[in-house]
């Protein structure tokens, strides 16, 4: 069985954008033409906003919440400077930001 190609991409690997209706790859999280997010493409691992808040409050000075959210570089930076207590203060502020952030905004930023 052979797939026919449209614009050099196999037709079975394409879908229509929910925003502009253009042909895009079926695994694209957003349309490259109009930027519309594709609702049918979900990340395999969704991060819990509640867990991020708890980690930021309890272990935020060590950057554990950053590691959880996939920001390992920031997590290591928090670990390097944890003795100054500055990361703990920043983590407290981040916990408040996570708490007031909408669920959709949180998932679009952190997955």
C-alpha atoms as a PDB file:
ATOM      1  CA  UNK A   1       0.000   0.000   0.000  1.00  0.00           C
ATOM      2  CA  UNK A   2       1.425   3.360  -0.949  1.00  0.00           C
ATOM      3  CA  UNK A   3       0.437   6.721   0.467  1.00  0.00           C
ATOM      4  CA  UNK A   4       0.050   9.637  -1.831  1.00  0.00           C
ATOM      5  CA  UNK A   5       1.950  12.775  -0.869  1.00  0.00           C
ATOM      6  CA  UNK A   6       0.719  16.322  -0.539  1.00  0.00           C
ATOM      7  CA  UNK A   7       3.456  18.953  -0.381  1.00  0.00           C
ATOM      8  CA  UNK A   8       6.010  16.207   0.239  1.00  0.00           C
ATOM      9  CA  UNK A   9       4.208  14.809   3.328  1.00  0.00           C
ATOM     10  CA  UNK A  10       2.345  11.522   3.300  1.00  0.00           C
ATOM     11  CA  UNK A  11      -1.394  12.131   3.403  1.00  0.00           C
ATOM     12  CA  UNK A  12      -1.906   9.731   6.299  1.00  0.00           C
ATOM     13  CA  UNK A  13       0.316  11.898   8.510  1.00  0.00           C
ATOM     14  CA  UNK A  14      -1.717  15.061   7.919  1.00  0.00           C
ATOM     15  CA  UNK A  15      -4.832  16.642   9.348  1.00  0.00           C
ATOM     16  CA  UNK A  16      -6.701  19.891   8.989  1.00  0.00           C
ATOM     17  CA  UNK A  17      -5.934  22.765  11.376  1.00  0.00           C
ATOM     18  CA  UNK A  18      -8.784  23.601  13.736  1.00  0.00           C
ATOM     19  CA  UNK A  19      -8.056  27.311  13.287  1.00  0.00           C
ATOM     20  CA  UNK A  20      -7.376  28.010   9.624  1.00  0.00           C
ATOM     21  CA  UNK A  21      -8.253  24.683   7.983  1.00  0.00           C
ATOM     22  CA  UNK A  22      -4.817  24.262   6.386  1.00  0.00           C
ATOM     23  CA  UNK A  23      -3.090  20.901   6.125  1.00  0.00           C
ATOM     24  CA  UNK A  24      -0.624  20.292   8.973  1.00  0.00           C
ATOM     25  CA  UNK A  25       1.185  17.302  10.465  1.00  0.00           C
ATOM     26  CA  UNK A  26      -1.155  15.319  12.695  1.00  0.00           C
ATOM     27  CA  UNK A  27       1.240  15.481  15.687  1.00  0.00           C
ATOM     28  CA  UNK A  28       1.709  19.270  15.520  1.00  0.00           C
ATOM     29  CA  UNK A  29       0.687  20.885  18.835  1.00  0.00           C
ATOM     30  CA  UNK A  30      -0.006  24.170  17.033  1.00  0.00           C
ATOM     31  CA  UNK A  31      -0.531  25.218  13.435  1.00  0.00           C
ATOM     32  CA  UNK A  32       2.670  26.627  11.902  1.00  0.00           C
ATOM     33  CA  UNK A  33       0.605  28.910   9.686  1.00  0.00           C
ATOM     34  CA  UNK A  34      -1.883  30.507  12.083  1.00  0.00           C
ATOM     35  CA  UNK A  35      -0.536  29.378  15.482  1.00  0.00           C
ATOM     36  CA  UNK A  36      -3.831  27.860  16.621  1.00  0.00           C
ATOM     37  CA  UNK A  37      -3.350  25.182  19.301  1.00  0.00           C
ATOM     38  CA  UNK A  38      -4.605  21.757  18.306  1.00  0.00           C
ATOM     39  CA  UNK A  39      -6.916  20.346  20.971  1.00  0.00           C
ATOM     40  CA  UNK A  40      -6.535  16.737  19.856  1.00  0.00           C
ATOM     41  CA  UNK A  41      -2.760  16.761  20.488  1.00  0.00           C
ATOM     42  CA  UNK A  42      -2.102  16.310  24.188  1.00  0.00           C
ATOM     43  CA  UNK A  43       1.230  15.914  25.879  1.00  0.00           C
ATOM     44  CA  UNK A  44       1.832  12.401  27.152  1.00  0.00           C
ATOM     45  CA  UNK A  45       2.472  13.607  30.668  1.00  0.00           C
ATOM     46  CA  UNK A  46       0.369  16.408  32.100  1.00  0.00           C
ATOM     47  CA  UNK A  47       1.832  18.145  35.107  1.00  0.00           C
ATOM     48  CA  UNK A  48      -0.410  18.728  38.081  1.00  0.00           C
ATOM     49  CA  UNK A  49      -0.755  22.329  39.147  1.00  0.00           C
ATOM     50  CA  UNK A  50      -1.487  21.266  42.739  1.00  0.00           C
ATOM     51  CA  UNK A  51       1.672  19.187  42.965  1.00  0.00           C
ATOM     52  CA  UNK A  52       3.702  22.093  41.555  1.00  0.00           C
ATOM     53  CA  UNK A  53       2.250  24.426  44.205  1.00  0.00           C
ATOM     54  CA  UNK A  54       2.982  22.011  47.064  1.00  0.00           C
ATOM     55  CA  UNK A  55       6.522  21.367  45.832  1.00  0.00           C
ATOM     56  CA  UNK A  56       7.172  25.091  45.442  1.00  0.00           C
ATOM     57  CA  UNK A  57       5.957  25.754  48.995  1.00  0.00           C
ATOM     58  CA  UNK A  58       7.697  22.853  50.727  1.00  0.00           C
ATOM     59  CA  UNK A  59      10.841  22.217  48.669  1.00  0.00           C
ATOM     60  CA  UNK A  60      10.984  25.300  46.463  1.00  0.00           C
ATOM     61  CA  UNK A  61      14.231  26.553  47.985  1.00  0.00           C
ATOM     62  CA  UNK A  62      15.915  23.472  46.529  1.00  0.00           C
ATOM     63  CA  UNK A  63      14.221  23.909  43.146  1.00  0.00           C
ATOM     64  CA  UNK A  64      12.348  20.609  43.268  1.00  0.00           C
ATOM     65  CA  UNK A  65       9.288  22.204  41.651  1.00  0.00           C
ATOM     66  CA  UNK A  66      11.453  23.287  38.708  1.00  0.00           C
ATOM     67  CA  UNK A  67      12.691  19.730  38.172  1.00  0.00           C
ATOM     68  CA  UNK A  68       9.073  18.513  38.336  1.00  0.00           C
ATOM     69  CA  UNK A  69       8.016  21.045  35.696  1.00  0.00           C
ATOM     70  CA  UNK A  70      10.837  20.033  33.352  1.00  0.00           C
ATOM     71  CA  UNK A  71      13.008  23.090  33.932  1.00  0.00           C
ATOM     72  CA  UNK A  72      16.176  21.273  35.077  1.00  0.00           C
ATOM     73  CA  UNK A  73      18.468  24.224  34.346  1.00  0.00           C
ATOM     74  CA  UNK A  74      16.520  26.432  36.720  1.00  0.00           C
ATOM     75  CA  UNK A  75      16.387  23.575  39.229  1.00  0.00           C
ATOM     76  CA  UNK A  76      20.172  23.318  39.288  1.00  0.00           C
ATOM     77  CA  UNK A  77      20.441  27.094  39.686  1.00  0.00           C
ATOM     78  CA  UNK A  78      18.126  26.932  42.699  1.00  0.00           C
ATOM     79  CA  UNK A  79      20.253  24.101  44.134  1.00  0.00           C
ATOM     80  CA  UNK A  80      23.458  26.093  43.739  1.00  0.00           C
ATOM     81  CA  UNK A  81      22.064  29.137  45.568  1.00  0.00           C
ATOM     82  CA  UNK A  82      19.714  27.467  48.084  1.00  0.00           C
ATOM     83  CA  UNK A  83      21.930  28.569  51.013  1.00  0.00           C
ATOM     84  CA  UNK A  84      21.116  32.239  50.282  1.00  0.00           C
ATOM     85  CA  UNK A  85      17.355  31.667  50.823  1.00  0.00           C
ATOM     86  CA  UNK A  86      16.686  33.749  47.700  1.00  0.00           C
ATOM     87  CA  UNK A  87      15.371  30.673  45.796  1.00  0.00           C
ATOM     88  CA  UNK A  88      12.988  29.968  48.691  1.00  0.00           C
ATOM     89  CA  UNK A  89      11.532  33.472  48.433  1.00  0.00           C
ATOM     90  CA  UNK A  90      11.225  33.185  44.651  1.00  0.00           C
ATOM     91  CA  UNK A  91       9.622  29.736  44.990  1.00  0.00           C
ATOM     92  CA  UNK A  92       7.037  31.152  47.406  1.00  0.00           C
ATOM     93  CA  UNK A  93       6.130  33.822  44.845  1.00  0.00           C
ATOM     94  CA  UNK A  94       6.004  31.160  42.109  1.00  0.00           C
ATOM     95  CA  UNK A  95       3.632  29.060  44.229  1.00  0.00           C
ATOM     96  CA  UNK A  96       1.290  32.052  44.412  1.00  0.00           C
ATOM     97  CA  UNK A  97       1.592  32.551  40.645  1.00  0.00           C
ATOM     98  CA  UNK A  98       0.795  28.872  40.015  1.00  0.00           C
ATOM     99  CA  UNK A  99      -2.218  29.161  42.343  1.00  0.00           C
ATOM    100  CA  UNK A 100      -3.741  32.161  40.553  1.00  0.00           C
ATOM    101  CA  UNK A 101      -2.833  30.940  37.051  1.00  0.00           C
ATOM    102  CA  UNK A 102      -5.697  29.328  35.157  1.00  0.00           C
ATOM    103  CA  UNK A 103      -5.532  25.597  34.541  1.00  0.00           C
ATOM    104  CA  UNK A 104      -5.336  26.109  30.773  1.00  0.00           C
ATOM    105  CA  UNK A 105      -2.530  28.663  31.058  1.00  0.00           C
ATOM    106  CA  UNK A 106      -0.599  26.349  33.382  1.00  0.00           C
ATOM    107  CA  UNK A 107      -0.920  23.372  31.039  1.00  0.00           C
ATOM    108  CA  UNK A 108      -0.042  25.366  27.948  1.00  0.00           C
ATOM    109  CA  UNK A 109       3.155  26.580  29.634  1.00  0.00           C
ATOM    110  CA  UNK A 110       4.250  23.486  31.559  1.00  0.00           C
ATOM    111  CA  UNK A 111       2.448  20.603  29.880  1.00  0.00           C
END
